[in-house]
Amino acid sequence: MGVTYGIIPYKMLEAIFYIIYATYALMLGAASKQLIFAVRHFTPPRQTHQKEHQKELPSVTVCIPARNEVHAMNDCLTSVLASDYEKMEVIVLDDSSVDDTSTLVKSFAREGVRFVAGKPLPKGWLGKNHALEGLLKEASGTYVLFLDVDTRLSPRAVSNVMHYAHSEAASMVSIMPRREDGWRVSVLFSPLRYFWEIMFHRRLAPASAGNAWLVSRDELKEYGGFTTLPLAVKPEAHLAAYFASHATYRFLVSTHEFGVSYEKKWRSQLMTSVRLLYPLLGAQWASMIIIVLDLLFILLPVGILAFGLGLGLDVQHIILSLVLVLGTTLIYGSYVRRVWARSWWVGSLLWPVKVIQEIILVSISFIQYRRGRVTWKGRPLRSEAQN
């Protein structure tokens, strides 16, 4: 066949396509292997404990840092206070909110919630990390359970976490939350950051989730608390790596029975991704370019499938591209089915849109950090990667 595309002979173009197919198939195989590993190791065991067994377990302090969280605080505290775990105290630190967060938190005082006013933010600290350090100083429990305000707990969630940590002799347990709602933009178009956490999990660089994580108070203080991580955008990731090196870290993907879920607006999720991506990629333009190219590669079968006939490609290329697209949909759908209660099948079909969204978020994160325009709760953000 003497057909050429520009200066590229058709046979050479075919060879390039087959290399793409083979590489993509290897990528799908690696992703499948990682998901199988996640299902085996990150799924919480079915809980069979009884409430009377709680006397054998240690105490826990639920710590919630808050800054301008009046929109979510009521639901968060209501879910926490419904817990059946008896050896529990609840502390909320208000980090200089300018809305009615402090008033709302104080209204829960009769139900046992302790309000702590945050101190002025010192130079060289991120606001949340300083709030976490303040909460650590106030906590009296054997364990500390740090929660974001968009986290929701079932009545047995704290018990489940404590029983699991006790049975595993774990110093730290990080729980990736589920979405129990569905058919909302914030669910259907949620960014891929939790998916990447699972895909890139390694023994000494383990997956972690900041929504809900339990840690031994004494061991965290022995580590140095958050004074050693003042500018870490994901301090829980550093701590997870530390405890993983001592084989005392566990990561879980919550189930409906385990009871850890979250609700977060789509815009807030996008802002979180912008805040995290730049420092997680080492603040390097080379890393950004590599990631963008990788994401574009993931879209290649969709592009071939969409434009292949118009380009005059043979039918086998259309079929192979369709197989790869369906394989990607199956793998992503297997993940979504475990972390979304409803509408998971719609989410699995939207993966090309999410990959495009991820490319945009990576680019925005780098541009905004370089321009010094990234903020966190109204404060300018400068990560450890920039120092």
Protein backbone atom coordinates (compact mmCIF):
# COMPACT_ATOMS: atom_id res chain seq x y z
CA MET A 1 0.00 0.00 0.00
CA GLY A 2 1.53 3.28 -1.16
CA VAL A 3 -0.69 5.58 0.86
CA THR A 4 1.06 8.18 3.01
CA TYR A 5 -0.12 10.59 5.72
CA GLY A 6 1.93 13.69 5.13
CA ILE A 7 5.49 12.35 5.00
CA ILE A 8 4.66 9.21 7.02
CA PRO A 9 4.14 6.00 5.00
CA TYR A 10 0.98 4.11 5.89
CA LYS A 11 2.91 1.01 6.98
CA MET A 12 5.01 3.06 9.37
CA LEU A 13 1.86 4.68 10.75
CA GLU A 14 0.34 1.23 11.25
CA ALA A 15 3.44 0.11 13.14
CA ILE A 16 3.16 3.15 15.39
CA PHE A 17 -0.48 2.35 16.09
CA TYR A 18 0.34 -1.26 17.01
CA ILE A 19 3.04 -0.07 19.39
CA ILE A 20 0.45 2.22 20.97
CA TYR A 21 -2.03 -0.66 21.31
CA ALA A 22 0.58 -2.94 22.90
CA THR A 23 1.75 -0.25 25.32
CA TYR A 24 -1.82 0.63 26.25
CA ALA A 25 -2.66 -3.04 26.84
CA LEU A 26 0.33 -3.34 29.20
CA MET A 27 -0.88 -0.24 31.03
CA LEU A 28 -4.36 -1.77 31.42
CA GLY A 29 -2.78 -4.95 32.74
CA ALA A 30 -0.81 -3.03 35.36
CA ALA A 31 -3.93 -1.06 36.35
CA SER A 32 -5.93 -4.29 36.68
CA LYS A 33 -3.23 -5.80 38.88
CA GLN A 34 -3.23 -2.70 41.11
CA LEU A 35 -7.02 -2.77 41.46
CA ILE A 36 -6.97 -6.44 42.41
CA PHE A 37 -4.33 -5.61 45.02
CA ALA A 38 -6.50 -2.75 46.31
CA VAL A 39 -9.58 -4.97 46.62
CA ARG A 40 -7.59 -7.54 48.59
CA HIS A 41 -5.74 -5.18 50.90
CA PHE A 42 -7.81 -2.00 51.19
CA THR A 43 -11.28 -3.45 51.77
CA PRO A 44 -12.24 -3.31 55.46
CA PRO A 45 -13.14 -6.65 57.04
CA ARG A 46 -16.76 -7.22 57.93
CA GLN A 47 -17.30 -5.97 61.46
CA THR A 48 -18.63 -8.48 63.99
CA HIS A 49 -17.83 -6.59 67.18
CA GLN A 50 -20.40 -5.85 69.85
CA LYS A 51 -20.79 -2.61 71.77
CA GLU A 52 -19.84 -4.28 75.05
CA HIS A 53 -16.39 -5.02 73.60
CA GLN A 54 -15.62 -1.30 73.48
CA LYS A 55 -14.31 -1.40 77.05
CA GLU A 56 -11.27 -3.24 75.70
CA LEU A 57 -10.47 -0.44 73.25
CA PRO A 58 -8.56 2.81 73.80
CA SER A 59 -10.04 6.31 73.85
CA VAL A 60 -10.14 8.56 70.80
CA THR A 61 -10.32 12.31 70.26
CA VAL A 62 -12.12 13.39 67.11
CA CYS A 63 -10.37 16.56 65.91
CA ILE A 64 -11.91 18.85 63.30
CA PRO A 65 -10.03 21.89 61.96
CA ALA A 66 -12.42 24.56 60.67
CA ARG A 67 -12.16 27.84 58.82
CA ASN A 68 -15.31 29.38 57.34
CA GLU A 69 -17.15 26.06 57.42
CA VAL A 70 -20.64 27.14 58.48
CA HIS A 71 -22.07 25.48 55.35
CA ALA A 72 -20.90 21.99 56.35
CA MET A 73 -20.19 22.00 60.08
CA ASN A 74 -23.69 21.20 61.30
CA ASP A 75 -23.98 17.99 59.26
CA CYS A 76 -20.45 16.94 60.16
CA LEU A 77 -20.91 17.35 63.92
CA THR A 78 -24.37 15.78 63.84
CA SER A 79 -22.93 12.64 62.24
CA VAL A 80 -20.00 12.52 64.68
CA LEU A 81 -22.21 12.93 67.74
CA ALA A 82 -24.45 10.07 66.59
CA SER A 83 -21.51 7.72 67.15
CA ASP A 84 -22.02 4.71 69.41
CA TYR A 85 -18.39 4.85 70.59
CA GLU A 86 -18.32 5.82 74.25
CA LYS A 87 -14.63 6.59 74.83
CA MET A 88 -14.69 9.62 72.57
CA GLU A 89 -14.21 13.36 72.87
CA VAL A 90 -14.84 15.87 70.09
CA ILE A 91 -12.79 19.04 69.58
CA VAL A 92 -13.25 21.68 66.89
CA LEU A 93 -10.59 24.34 66.37
CA ASP A 94 -11.85 27.47 64.67
CA ASP A 95 -9.02 28.92 62.61
CA SER A 96 -9.98 32.63 62.53
CA SER A 97 -13.24 32.15 60.63
CA VAL A 98 -14.94 35.27 59.36
CA ASP A 99 -18.37 33.63 59.13
CA ASP A 100 -20.52 32.12 61.92
CA THR A 101 -18.50 28.91 62.29
CA SER A 102 -17.48 29.65 65.87
CA THR A 103 -21.07 30.42 66.92
CA LEU A 104 -22.31 27.23 65.30
CA VAL A 105 -19.65 25.08 66.98
CA LYS A 106 -20.35 26.61 70.38
CA SER A 107 -24.04 25.71 69.99
CA PHE A 108 -22.97 22.04 70.25
CA ALA A 109 -21.29 22.55 73.64
CA ARG A 110 -24.15 20.89 75.55
CA GLU A 111 -23.67 17.80 73.41
CA GLY A 112 -20.02 17.53 74.39
CA VAL A 113 -18.24 19.38 71.59
CA ARG A 114 -15.26 21.36 72.86
CA PHE A 115 -14.54 24.62 71.04
CA VAL A 116 -10.95 25.85 70.70
CA ALA A 117 -10.10 29.25 69.27
CA GLY A 118 -7.14 29.05 66.92
CA LYS A 119 -4.07 31.20 67.48
CA PRO A 120 -2.74 33.67 64.90
CA LEU A 121 -0.98 31.94 62.04
CA PRO A 122 2.81 32.23 62.44
CA LYS A 123 5.11 32.73 59.51
CA GLY A 124 6.25 29.53 57.83
CA TRP A 125 3.05 27.56 58.45
CA LEU A 126 0.07 26.51 56.38
CA GLY A 127 -3.17 27.34 58.14
CA LYS A 128 -4.53 23.80 58.30
CA ASN A 129 -1.25 22.33 59.56
CA HIS A 130 -1.11 24.92 62.33
CA ALA A 131 -4.71 24.07 63.23
CA LEU A 132 -3.88 20.34 63.31
CA GLU A 133 -0.97 21.04 65.65
CA GLY A 134 -3.27 23.04 67.92
CA LEU A 135 -5.78 20.18 67.98
CA LEU A 136 -3.05 17.66 68.76
CA LYS A 137 -2.03 19.70 71.81
CA GLU A 138 -5.62 19.76 73.06
CA ALA A 139 -6.38 16.06 72.47
CA SER A 140 -6.36 13.63 75.38
CA GLY A 141 -7.35 10.39 73.63
CA THR A 142 -4.97 7.51 73.03
CA TYR A 143 -5.77 7.94 69.36
CA VAL A 144 -6.63 11.07 67.40
CA LEU A 145 -9.12 10.91 64.52
CA PHE A 146 -8.64 13.93 62.24
CA LEU A 147 -11.70 14.76 60.15
CA ASP A 148 -12.41 17.28 57.42
CA VAL A 149 -15.78 18.98 57.74
CA ASP A 150 -17.05 17.42 54.52
CA THR A 151 -16.70 13.95 56.08
CA ARG A 152 -19.78 12.09 57.29
CA LEU A 153 -19.69 9.19 59.74
CA SER A 154 -22.28 6.50 60.33
CA PRO A 155 -23.11 5.72 63.98
CA ARG A 156 -20.71 2.75 63.94
CA ALA A 157 -17.90 4.33 61.93
CA VAL A 158 -15.72 5.35 64.88
CA SER A 159 -16.19 1.92 66.47
CA ASN A 160 -15.25 0.26 63.19
CA VAL A 161 -12.09 2.34 62.82
CA MET A 162 -11.05 1.75 66.43
CA HIS A 163 -11.66 -2.01 66.27
CA TYR A 164 -9.70 -2.23 63.05
CA ALA A 165 -6.73 -0.20 64.38
CA HIS A 166 -6.70 -2.27 67.58
CA SER A 167 -6.86 -5.62 65.75
CA GLU A 168 -4.09 -4.57 63.33
CA ALA A 169 -1.91 -2.93 66.01
CA ALA A 170 -1.81 0.03 63.62
CA SER A 171 -0.25 3.37 64.53
CA MET A 172 -2.10 5.11 61.69
CA VAL A 173 -5.16 4.25 59.62
CA SER A 174 -6.23 6.39 56.69
CA ILE A 175 -9.74 5.90 55.29
CA MET A 176 -10.75 6.87 51.77
CA PRO A 177 -14.43 7.89 51.99
CA ARG A 178 -17.33 6.77 49.79
CA ARG A 179 -19.90 8.90 48.01
CA GLU A 180 -23.29 7.84 49.33
CA ASP A 181 -25.13 10.38 47.18
CA GLY A 182 -25.47 10.28 43.40
CA TRP A 183 -26.60 11.99 40.20
CA ARG A 184 -24.92 15.23 41.22
CA VAL A 185 -22.25 17.14 39.34
CA SER A 186 -19.96 16.85 42.38
CA VAL A 187 -20.17 13.06 42.08
CA LEU A 188 -20.31 12.50 38.33
CA PHE A 189 -17.44 14.88 37.55
CA SER A 190 -15.32 14.47 40.66
CA PRO A 191 -11.56 14.67 39.91
CA LEU A 192 -9.41 11.56 39.79
CA ARG A 193 -7.17 12.21 42.80
CA TYR A 194 -8.43 9.24 44.84
CA PHE A 195 -8.11 6.98 41.81
CA TRP A 196 -4.48 8.06 41.44
CA GLU A 197 -3.89 7.42 45.15
CA ILE A 198 -4.78 3.77 44.59
CA MET A 199 -3.03 3.43 41.22
CA PHE A 200 0.28 4.84 42.50
CA HIS A 201 0.24 3.19 45.92
CA ARG A 202 3.63 1.79 46.86
CA ARG A 203 4.83 0.21 50.08
CA LEU A 204 6.95 3.18 51.16
CA ALA A 205 4.87 5.79 49.32
CA PRO A 206 1.43 4.55 50.31
CA ALA A 207 -1.99 5.88 49.41
CA SER A 208 -3.51 8.25 51.95
CA ALA A 209 -6.68 10.27 52.42
CA GLY A 210 -6.99 13.51 54.35
CA ASN A 211 -10.75 13.29 54.97
CA ALA A 212 -10.47 10.84 57.84
CA TRP A 213 -7.30 9.46 59.39
CA LEU A 214 -6.57 7.94 62.77
CA VAL A 215 -3.18 8.14 64.42
CA SER A 216 -1.65 7.27 67.78
CA ARG A 217 -1.37 10.52 69.72
CA ASP A 218 1.85 9.59 71.53
CA GLU A 219 3.55 8.31 68.39
CA LEU A 220 2.56 11.42 66.46
CA LYS A 221 4.02 13.60 69.22
CA GLU A 222 7.17 11.46 69.23
CA TYR A 223 7.46 12.10 65.49
CA GLY A 224 7.35 15.81 66.24
CA GLY A 225 3.71 16.45 65.46
CA PHE A 226 3.11 18.93 62.69
CA THR A 227 6.04 21.12 63.67
CA THR A 228 8.10 18.97 61.30
CA LEU A 229 5.52 19.45 58.52
CA PRO A 230 4.55 23.14 58.68
CA LEU A 231 4.33 23.60 54.90
CA ALA A 232 3.31 20.09 53.81
CA VAL A 233 0.21 20.38 51.62
CA LYS A 234 -0.60 16.73 52.47
CA PRO A 235 0.89 16.13 55.94
CA GLU A 236 -1.00 12.83 56.22
CA ALA A 237 0.96 11.51 53.21
CA HIS A 238 4.28 12.19 54.96
CA LEU A 239 3.04 10.51 58.13
CA ALA A 240 1.68 7.55 56.16
CA ALA A 241 5.12 7.03 54.59
CA TYR A 242 6.77 7.27 58.02
CA PHE A 243 4.50 4.71 59.66
CA ALA A 244 4.58 2.49 56.57
CA SER A 245 8.35 2.29 56.97
CA HIS A 246 7.64 0.85 60.44
CA ALA A 247 4.92 -1.47 59.05
CA THR A 248 2.26 0.15 61.26
CA TYR A 249 0.28 2.03 58.61
CA ARG A 250 -2.97 0.86 57.03
CA PHE A 251 -5.06 2.34 54.21
CA LEU A 252 -8.72 1.48 53.71
CA VAL A 253 -11.35 2.23 51.11
CA SER A 254 -14.56 2.64 53.07
CA THR A 255 -17.60 0.50 52.41
CA HIS A 256 -21.21 1.32 53.23
CA GLU A 257 -20.94 -0.91 56.30
CA PHE A 258 -17.69 0.71 57.46
CA GLY A 259 -19.45 4.04 57.37
CA VAL A 260 -17.07 6.80 56.26
CA SER A 261 -18.40 8.99 53.45
CA TYR A 262 -18.08 12.57 52.26
CA GLU A 263 -19.97 15.34 50.50
CA LYS A 264 -18.08 18.06 48.71
CA LYS A 265 -19.13 20.51 46.04
CA TRP A 266 -17.61 20.09 42.59
CA ARG A 267 -15.99 23.53 42.68
CA SER A 268 -14.36 22.74 46.03
CA GLN A 269 -13.02 19.48 44.64
CA LEU A 270 -11.50 21.28 41.68
CA MET A 271 -9.86 23.81 43.99
CA THR A 272 -8.46 21.00 46.12
CA SER A 273 -6.93 19.37 43.05
CA VAL A 274 -5.36 22.66 41.96
CA ARG A 275 -3.92 23.05 45.46
CA LEU A 276 -2.47 19.51 45.56
CA LEU A 277 -1.22 18.73 42.07
CA TYR A 278 1.68 21.19 41.83
CA PRO A 279 3.42 20.18 45.09
CA LEU A 280 2.67 16.48 44.55
CA LEU A 281 4.46 16.66 41.19
CA GLY A 282 7.49 18.21 42.83
CA ALA A 283 6.89 21.71 41.46
CA GLN A 284 8.73 20.70 38.29
CA TRP A 285 7.64 21.70 34.79
CA ALA A 286 9.14 18.47 33.46
CA SER A 287 6.85 16.47 35.73
CA MET A 288 3.84 18.44 34.55
CA ILE A 289 4.70 17.85 30.89
CA ILE A 290 5.19 14.13 31.48
CA ILE A 291 1.87 13.83 33.30
CA VAL A 292 0.00 15.76 30.60
CA LEU A 293 1.54 13.54 27.92
CA ASP A 294 0.58 10.44 29.89
CA LEU A 295 -3.00 11.68 30.19
CA LEU A 296 -3.13 12.45 26.47
CA PHE A 297 -1.87 8.93 25.81
CA ILE A 298 -4.79 7.56 27.83
CA LEU A 299 -7.11 9.42 25.43
CA LEU A 300 -5.50 8.05 22.27
CA PRO A 301 -7.86 5.06 21.76
CA VAL A 302 -10.83 7.41 22.12
CA GLY A 303 -9.32 9.68 19.48
CA ILE A 304 -8.60 6.80 17.12
CA LEU A 305 -12.11 5.48 17.65
CA ALA A 306 -13.64 8.90 17.01
CA PHE A 307 -11.58 9.90 13.98
CA GLY A 308 -10.22 6.63 12.64
CA LEU A 309 -12.78 6.17 9.89
CA GLY A 310 -12.37 9.75 8.77
CA LEU A 311 -8.60 9.21 8.57
CA GLY A 312 -9.14 6.15 6.43
CA LEU A 313 -7.77 3.65 8.95
CA ASP A 314 -8.52 -0.02 8.43
CA VAL A 315 -11.32 -1.57 10.46
CA GLN A 316 -8.93 -3.55 12.68
CA HIS A 317 -7.68 -0.28 14.17
CA ILE A 318 -11.22 0.74 15.02
CA ILE A 319 -11.86 -2.65 16.63
CA LEU A 320 -8.62 -2.61 18.64
CA SER A 321 -9.30 0.95 19.81
CA LEU A 322 -12.82 -0.04 20.83
CA VAL A 323 -11.44 -2.97 22.84
CA LEU A 324 -9.01 -0.66 24.67
CA VAL A 325 -11.73 1.92 25.37
CA LEU A 326 -14.01 -0.79 26.75
CA GLY A 327 -11.13 -2.18 28.82
CA THR A 328 -10.46 1.24 30.33
CA THR A 329 -14.17 1.70 31.03
CA LEU A 330 -14.29 -1.68 32.77
CA ILE A 331 -11.28 -0.94 34.96
CA TYR A 332 -12.43 2.54 35.94
CA GLY A 333 -15.96 1.24 36.44
CA SER A 334 -14.64 -1.42 38.84
CA TYR A 335 -13.06 1.34 40.91
CA VAL A 336 -16.11 3.63 40.78
CA ARG A 337 -18.47 0.83 41.79
CA ARG A 338 -16.59 0.49 45.07
CA VAL A 339 -16.45 4.17 45.96
CA TRP A 340 -19.83 5.42 44.71
CA ALA A 341 -23.10 4.13 46.12
CA ARG A 342 -25.15 5.17 43.09
CA SER A 343 -24.68 6.26 39.48
CA TRP A 344 -21.35 4.42 39.30
CA TRP A 345 -22.09 3.06 35.83
CA VAL A 346 -22.57 6.62 34.52
CA GLY A 347 -19.28 7.65 36.12
CA SER A 348 -17.47 4.76 34.45
CA LEU A 349 -18.58 6.03 31.03
CA LEU A 350 -17.39 9.56 31.77
CA TRP A 351 -13.72 8.67 32.19
CA PRO A 352 -12.59 10.46 28.97
CA VAL A 353 -14.20 13.68 30.21
CA LYS A 354 -12.47 13.26 33.57
CA VAL A 355 -9.09 12.72 31.92
CA ILE A 356 -9.55 15.95 29.96
CA GLN A 357 -10.56 17.67 33.21
CA GLU A 358 -7.41 16.31 34.86
CA ILE A 359 -5.21 17.73 32.09
CA ILE A 360 -6.80 21.14 32.65
CA LEU A 361 -6.38 20.90 36.44
CA VAL A 362 -2.70 19.94 36.20
CA SER A 363 -2.05 22.88 33.87
CA ILE A 364 -3.98 25.34 36.04
CA SER A 365 -2.23 24.14 39.20
CA PHE A 366 1.21 24.83 37.73
CA ILE A 367 0.28 28.17 36.21
CA GLN A 368 -1.48 29.43 39.35
CA TYR A 369 1.34 28.36 41.68
CA ARG A 370 3.92 29.99 39.44
CA ARG A 371 1.91 33.21 39.48
CA GLY A 372 1.43 33.02 43.25
CA ARG A 373 -2.35 32.96 42.95
CA VAL A 374 -3.18 29.77 44.84
CA THR A 375 -5.06 30.34 48.09
CA TRP A 376 -6.34 28.08 50.82
CA LYS A 377 -9.35 29.30 52.77
CA GLY A 378 -8.56 32.86 51.74
CA ARG A 379 -4.85 32.71 52.57
CA PRO A 380 -2.04 32.77 49.98
CA LEU A 381 -0.55 29.30 49.71
CA ARG A 382 3.13 28.54 49.39
CA SER A 383 3.96 24.84 49.58
CA GLU A 384 7.10 23.12 50.88
CA ALA A 385 7.98 22.31 47.26
CA GLN A 386 8.59 26.03 46.64
CA ASN A 387 11.01 26.44 49.54
